[in-house]
Amino acid sequence: MLRRRDVATLVASIHGVTADHVRKVIRGDRENDQILATCRQIIENDNLLLQAVKNIVPFDQVDLQS
């Protein structure tokens, strides 16, 4: 099972808040545009990196399950 990194904890360390606070912002319980922008940027960059790796590394999903 593939797991993504804990974006909330990373964003919390960048902004000097708790990961719980970041999760509340993501859920919409709190407002903080800077935290949301950082989350979006990290997730977008992770997705771009993942796509680049998938384009470079040739592997077949069937082979991994054997």
PDB file of N, CA and C in Angstrom:
ATOM      1  N   MET A   1       0.839  -1.173   0.000  1.00  0.00           N
ATOM      2  CA  MET A   1       0.000   0.000   0.000  1.00  0.00           C
ATOM      3  C   MET A   1       0.894   1.248   0.000  1.00  0.00           C
ATOM      4  N   LEU A   2       0.641   2.137  -0.934  1.00  0.00           N
ATOM      5  CA  LEU A   2       1.404   3.367  -1.011  1.00  0.00           C
ATOM      6  C   LEU A   2       0.804   4.410  -0.089  1.00  0.00           C
ATOM      7  N   ARG A   3       1.666   5.135   0.610  1.00  0.00           N
ATOM      8  CA  ARG A   3       1.202   6.184   1.514  1.00  0.00           C
ATOM      9  C   ARG A   3       1.835   7.496   1.110  1.00  0.00           C
ATOM     10  N   ARG A   4       1.053   8.528   1.186  1.00  0.00           N
ATOM     11  CA  ARG A   4       1.573   9.870   0.921  1.00  0.00           C
ATOM     12  C   ARG A   4       2.125  10.449   2.207  1.00  0.00           C
ATOM     13  N   ARG A   5       2.986  11.407   2.071  1.00  0.00           N
ATOM     14  CA  ARG A   5       3.528  12.033   3.271  1.00  0.00           C
ATOM     15  C   ARG A   5       2.440  12.836   3.978  1.00  0.00           C
ATOM     16  N   ASP A   6       2.673  13.118   5.217  1.00  0.00           N
ATOM     17  CA  ASP A   6       1.719  13.851   6.030  1.00  0.00           C
ATOM     18  C   ASP A   6       1.850  15.345   5.724  1.00  0.00           C
ATOM     19  N   VAL A   7       1.042  15.803   4.807  1.00  0.00           N
ATOM     20  CA  VAL A   7       1.107  17.191   4.363  1.00  0.00           C
ATOM     21  C   VAL A   7       0.753  18.142   5.507  1.00  0.00           C
ATOM     22  N   ALA A   8      -0.215  17.770   6.332  1.00  0.00           N
ATOM     23  CA  ALA A   8      -0.627  18.638   7.440  1.00  0.00           C
ATOM     24  C   ALA A   8       0.539  18.916   8.389  1.00  0.00           C
ATOM     25  N   THR A   9       1.309  17.895   8.701  1.00  0.00           N
ATOM     26  CA  THR A   9       2.457  18.070   9.596  1.00  0.00           C
ATOM     27  C   THR A   9       3.531  18.941   8.948  1.00  0.00           C
ATOM     28  N   LEU A  10       3.780  18.736   7.669  1.00  0.00           N
ATOM     29  CA  LEU A  10       4.758  19.540   6.946  1.00  0.00           C
ATOM     30  C   LEU A  10       4.334  21.010   6.906  1.00  0.00           C
ATOM     31  N   VAL A  11       3.082  21.255   6.570  1.00  0.00           N
ATOM     32  CA  VAL A  11       2.570  22.626   6.505  1.00  0.00           C
ATOM     33  C   VAL A  11       2.590  23.274   7.887  1.00  0.00           C
ATOM     34  N   ALA A  12       2.259  22.498   8.902  1.00  0.00           N
ATOM     35  CA  ALA A  12       2.285  23.017  10.275  1.00  0.00           C
ATOM     36  C   ALA A  12       3.683  23.484  10.652  1.00  0.00           C
ATOM     37  N   SER A  13       4.690  22.710  10.288  1.00  0.00           N
ATOM     38  CA  SER A  13       6.064  23.100  10.629  1.00  0.00           C
ATOM     39  C   SER A  13       6.492  24.351   9.858  1.00  0.00           C
ATOM     40  N   ILE A  14       5.992  24.513   8.665  1.00  0.00           N
ATOM     41  CA  ILE A  14       6.317  25.698   7.863  1.00  0.00           C
ATOM     42  C   ILE A  14       5.683  26.955   8.472  1.00  0.00           C
ATOM     43  N   HIS A  15       4.436  26.822   8.923  1.00  0.00           N
ATOM     44  CA  HIS A  15       3.688  27.988   9.403  1.00  0.00           C
ATOM     45  C   HIS A  15       3.723  28.161  10.917  1.00  0.00           C
ATOM     46  N   GLY A  16       4.358  27.247  11.627  1.00  0.00           N
ATOM     47  CA  GLY A  16       4.469  27.391  13.069  1.00  0.00           C
ATOM     48  C   GLY A  16       3.169  27.167  13.814  1.00  0.00           C
ATOM     49  N   VAL A  17       2.335  26.270  13.292  1.00  0.00           N
ATOM     50  CA  VAL A  17       1.074  25.908  13.950  1.00  0.00           C
ATOM     51  C   VAL A  17       1.055  24.399  14.135  1.00  0.00           C
ATOM     52  N   THR A  18      -0.018  23.889  14.738  1.00  0.00           N
ATOM     53  CA  THR A  18      -0.125  22.443  14.919  1.00  0.00           C
ATOM     54  C   THR A  18      -0.706  21.802  13.667  1.00  0.00           C
ATOM     55  N   ALA A  19      -0.440  20.517  13.519  1.00  0.00           N
ATOM     56  CA  ALA A  19      -1.009  19.765  12.395  1.00  0.00           C
ATOM     57  C   ALA A  19      -2.533  19.731  12.508  1.00  0.00           C
ATOM     58  N   ASP A  20      -3.035  19.701  13.736  1.00  0.00           N
ATOM     59  CA  ASP A  20      -4.484  19.717  13.947  1.00  0.00           C
ATOM     60  C   ASP A  20      -5.091  21.016  13.417  1.00  0.00           C
ATOM     61  N   HIS A  21      -4.410  22.122  13.641  1.00  0.00           N
ATOM     62  CA  HIS A  21      -4.886  23.408  13.126  1.00  0.00           C
ATOM     63  C   HIS A  21      -4.942  23.382  11.599  1.00  0.00           C
ATOM     64  N   VAL A  22      -3.910  22.833  10.977  1.00  0.00           N
ATOM     65  CA  VAL A  22      -3.872  22.743   9.516  1.00  0.00           C
ATOM     66  C   VAL A  22      -5.016  21.875   9.011  1.00  0.00           C
ATOM     67  N   ARG A  23      -5.274  20.755   9.676  1.00  0.00           N
ATOM     68  CA  ARG A  23      -6.387  19.884   9.265  1.00  0.00           C
ATOM     69  C   ARG A  23      -7.720  20.609   9.379  1.00  0.00           C
ATOM     70  N   LYS A  24      -7.877  21.436  10.406  1.00  0.00           N
ATOM     71  CA  LYS A  24      -9.113  22.217  10.562  1.00  0.00           C
ATOM     72  C   LYS A  24      -9.256  23.232   9.441  1.00  0.00           C
ATOM     73  N   VAL A  25      -8.157  23.822   9.015  1.00  0.00           N
ATOM     74  CA  VAL A  25      -8.195  24.762   7.889  1.00  0.00           C
ATOM     75  C   VAL A  25      -8.589  24.017   6.618  1.00  0.00           C
ATOM     76  N   ILE A  26      -8.023  22.851   6.401  1.00  0.00           N
ATOM     77  CA  ILE A  26      -8.327  22.060   5.210  1.00  0.00           C
ATOM     78  C   ILE A  26      -9.802  21.663   5.193  1.00  0.00           C
ATOM     79  N   ARG A  27     -10.326  21.284   6.362  1.00  0.00           N
ATOM     80  CA  ARG A  27     -11.742  20.903   6.473  1.00  0.00           C
ATOM     81  C   ARG A  27     -12.686  22.085   6.329  1.00  0.00           C
ATOM     82  N   GLY A  28     -12.177  23.287   6.560  1.00  0.00           N
ATOM     83  CA  GLY A  28     -13.022  24.471   6.470  1.00  0.00           C
ATOM     84  C   GLY A  28     -13.517  24.969   7.814  1.00  0.00           C
ATOM     85  N   ASP A  29     -13.052  24.355   8.902  1.00  0.00           N
ATOM     86  CA  ASP A  29     -13.460  24.795  10.237  1.00  0.00           C
ATOM     87  C   ASP A  29     -12.784  26.110  10.626  1.00  0.00           C
ATOM     88  N   ARG A  30     -11.627  26.379  10.052  1.00  0.00           N
ATOM     89  CA  ARG A  30     -10.878  27.618  10.297  1.00  0.00           C
ATOM     90  C   ARG A  30     -10.499  28.211   8.947  1.00  0.00           C
ATOM     91  N   GLU A  31     -10.212  29.499   8.940  1.00  0.00           N
ATOM     92  CA  GLU A  31      -9.814  30.168   7.700  1.00  0.00           C
ATOM     93  C   GLU A  31      -8.360  30.613   7.780  1.00  0.00           C
ATOM     94  N   ASN A  32      -7.591  30.262   6.778  1.00  0.00           N
ATOM     95  CA  ASN A  32      -6.219  30.731   6.665  1.00  0.00           C
ATOM     96  C   ASN A  32      -5.766  30.469   5.224  1.00  0.00           C
ATOM     97  N   ASP A  33      -5.817  31.523   4.420  1.00  0.00           N
ATOM     98  CA  ASP A  33      -5.495  31.389   2.998  1.00  0.00           C
ATOM     99  C   ASP A  33      -4.043  30.988   2.749  1.00  0.00           C
ATOM    100  N   GLN A  34      -3.132  31.439   3.615  1.00  0.00           N
ATOM    101  CA  GLN A  34      -1.719  31.089   3.432  1.00  0.00           C
ATOM    102  C   GLN A  34      -1.505  29.592   3.649  1.00  0.00           C
ATOM    103  N   ILE A  35      -2.138  29.041   4.654  1.00  0.00           N
ATOM    104  CA  ILE A  35      -2.013  27.601   4.920  1.00  0.00           C
ATOM    105  C   ILE A  35      -2.609  26.804   3.772  1.00  0.00           C
ATOM    106  N   LEU A  36      -3.781  27.215   3.292  1.00  0.00           N
ATOM    107  CA  LEU A  36      -4.398  26.510   2.161  1.00  0.00           C
ATOM    108  C   LEU A  36      -3.514  26.582   0.918  1.00  0.00           C
ATOM    109  N   ALA A  37      -2.937  27.734   0.669  1.00  0.00           N
ATOM    110  CA  ALA A  37      -2.070  27.884  -0.508  1.00  0.00           C
ATOM    111  C   ALA A  37      -0.850  26.978  -0.396  1.00  0.00           C
ATOM    112  N   THR A  38      -0.269  26.893   0.790  1.00  0.00           N
ATOM    113  CA  THR A  38       0.888  26.018   0.992  1.00  0.00           C
ATOM    114  C   THR A  38       0.500  24.561   0.782  1.00  0.00           C
ATOM    115  N   CYS A  39      -0.640  24.159   1.321  1.00  0.00           N
ATOM    116  CA  CYS A  39      -1.121  22.774   1.136  1.00  0.00           C
ATOM    117  C   CYS A  39      -1.298  22.456  -0.343  1.00  0.00           C
ATOM    118  N   ARG A  40      -1.965  23.346  -1.037  1.00  0.00           N
ATOM    119  CA  ARG A  40      -2.202  23.125  -2.474  1.00  0.00           C
ATOM    120  C   ARG A  40      -0.890  23.025  -3.245  1.00  0.00           C
ATOM    121  N   GLN A  41       0.046  23.893  -2.918  1.00  0.00           N
ATOM    122  CA  GLN A  41       1.327  23.888  -3.624  1.00  0.00           C
ATOM    123  C   GLN A  41       2.084  22.582  -3.376  1.00  0.00           C
ATOM    124  N   ILE A  42       2.114  22.114  -2.137  1.00  0.00           N
ATOM    125  CA  ILE A  42       2.812  20.869  -1.818  1.00  0.00           C
ATOM    126  C   ILE A  42       2.150  19.696  -2.514  1.00  0.00           C
ATOM    127  N   ILE A  43       0.830  19.627  -2.467  1.00  0.00           N
ATOM    128  CA  ILE A  43       0.109  18.519  -3.095  1.00  0.00           C
ATOM    129  C   ILE A  43       0.300  18.549  -4.615  1.00  0.00           C
ATOM    130  N   GLU A  44       0.222  19.734  -5.202  1.00  0.00           N
ATOM    131  CA  GLU A  44       0.420  19.849  -6.648  1.00  0.00           C
ATOM    132  C   GLU A  44       1.831  19.411  -7.050  1.00  0.00           C
ATOM    133  N   ASN A  45       2.835  19.844  -6.292  1.00  0.00           N
ATOM    134  CA  ASN A  45       4.214  19.452  -6.596  1.00  0.00           C
ATOM    135  C   ASN A  45       4.421  17.953  -6.411  1.00  0.00           C
ATOM    136  N   ASP A  46       3.801  17.374  -5.369  1.00  0.00           N
ATOM    137  CA  ASP A  46       3.883  15.925  -5.175  1.00  0.00           C
ATOM    138  C   ASP A  46       3.276  15.189  -6.358  1.00  0.00           C
ATOM    139  N   ASN A  47       2.134  15.667  -6.832  1.00  0.00           N
ATOM    140  CA  ASN A  47       1.473  15.031  -7.978  1.00  0.00           C
ATOM    141  C   ASN A  47       2.322  15.135  -9.238  1.00  0.00           C
ATOM    142  N   LEU A  48       2.940  16.300  -9.451  1.00  0.00           N
ATOM    143  CA  LEU A  48       3.813  16.464 -10.623  1.00  0.00           C
ATOM    144  C   LEU A  48       5.023  15.539 -10.539  1.00  0.00           C
ATOM    145  N   LEU A  49       5.606  15.431  -9.356  1.00  0.00           N
ATOM    146  CA  LEU A  49       6.747  14.545  -9.168  1.00  0.00           C
ATOM    147  C   LEU A  49       6.356  13.089  -9.400  1.00  0.00           C
ATOM    148  N   LEU A  50       5.223  12.690  -8.848  1.00  0.00           N
ATOM    149  CA  LEU A  50       4.743  11.320  -9.026  1.00  0.00           C
ATOM    150  C   LEU A  50       4.508  11.014 -10.504  1.00  0.00           C
ATOM    151  N   GLN A  51       3.900  11.951 -11.209  1.00  0.00           N
ATOM    152  CA  GLN A  51       3.653  11.745 -12.637  1.00  0.00           C
ATOM    153  C   GLN A  51       4.966  11.649 -13.413  1.00  0.00           C
ATOM    154  N   ALA A  52       5.941  12.466 -13.064  1.00  0.00           N
ATOM    155  CA  ALA A  52       7.237  12.415 -13.747  1.00  0.00           C
ATOM    156  C   ALA A  52       7.915  11.071 -13.520  1.00  0.00           C
ATOM    157  N   VAL A  53       7.846  10.566 -12.313  1.00  0.00           N
ATOM    158  CA  VAL A  53       8.440   9.263 -12.014  1.00  0.00           C
ATOM    159  C   VAL A  53       7.726   8.167 -12.794  1.00  0.00           C
ATOM    160  N   LYS A  54       6.410   8.233 -12.836  1.00  0.00           N
ATOM    161  CA  LYS A  54       5.647   7.219 -13.585  1.00  0.00           C
ATOM    162  C   LYS A  54       5.998   7.247 -15.062  1.00  0.00           C
ATOM    163  N   ASN A  55       6.290   8.425 -15.590  1.00  0.00           N
ATOM    164  CA  ASN A  55       6.655   8.544 -17.004  1.00  0.00           C
ATOM    165  C   ASN A  55       8.055   8.008 -17.277  1.00  0.00           C
ATOM    166  N   ILE A  56       8.934   8.086 -16.301  1.00  0.00           N
ATOM    167  CA  ILE A  56      10.327   7.676 -16.491  1.00  0.00           C
ATOM    168  C   ILE A  56      10.535   6.197 -16.192  1.00  0.00           C
ATOM    169  N   VAL A  57       9.938   5.708 -15.125  1.00  0.00           N
ATOM    170  CA  VAL A  57      10.185   4.344 -14.666  1.00  0.00           C
ATOM    171  C   VAL A  57       9.188   3.392 -15.329  1.00  0.00           C
ATOM    172  N   PRO A  58       9.691   2.541 -16.212  1.00  0.00           N
ATOM    173  CA  PRO A  58       8.785   1.590 -16.857  1.00  0.00           C
ATOM    174  C   PRO A  58       8.550   0.373 -15.953  1.00  0.00           C
ATOM    175  N   PHE A  59       7.341   0.226 -15.493  1.00  0.00           N
ATOM    176  CA  PHE A  59       7.008  -0.971 -14.732  1.00  0.00           C
ATOM    177  C   PHE A  59       5.576  -1.367 -15.042  1.00  0.00           C
ATOM    178  N   ASP A  60       5.337  -2.626 -14.865  1.00  0.00           N
ATOM    179  CA  ASP A  60       4.018  -3.178 -15.150  1.00  0.00           C
ATOM    180  C   ASP A  60       3.382  -3.586 -13.831  1.00  0.00           C
ATOM    181  N   GLN A  61       2.188  -3.123 -13.563  1.00  0.00           N
ATOM    182  CA  GLN A  61       1.492  -3.429 -12.310  1.00  0.00           C
ATOM    183  C   GLN A  61       1.334  -4.928 -12.104  1.00  0.00           C
ATOM    184  N   VAL A  62       1.167  -5.684 -13.172  1.00  0.00           N
ATOM    185  CA  VAL A  62       0.977  -7.130 -13.070  1.00  0.00           C
ATOM    186  C   VAL A  62       2.233  -7.783 -12.494  1.00  0.00           C
ATOM    187  N   ASP A  63       3.415  -7.308 -12.883  1.00  0.00           N
ATOM    188  CA  ASP A  63       4.665  -7.872 -12.394  1.00  0.00           C
ATOM    189  C   ASP A  63       4.826  -7.693 -10.891  1.00  0.00           C
ATOM    190  N   LEU A  64       4.312  -6.600 -10.345  1.00  0.00           N
ATOM    191  CA  LEU A  64       4.454  -6.332  -8.923  1.00  0.00           C
ATOM    192  C   LEU A  64       3.629  -7.281  -8.068  1.00  0.00           C
ATOM    193  N   GLN A  65       2.575  -7.836  -8.623  1.00  0.00           N
ATOM    194  CA  GLN A  65       1.692  -8.704  -7.855  1.00  0.00           C
ATOM    195  C   GLN A  65       2.108 -10.170  -7.928  1.00  0.00           C
ATOM    196  N   SER A  66       3.075 -10.478  -8.731  1.00  0.00           N
ATOM    197  CA  SER A  66       3.508 -11.873  -8.888  1.00  0.00           C
ATOM    198  C   SER A  66       4.297 -12.358  -7.709  1.00  0.00           C
TER     199      SER A  66
END
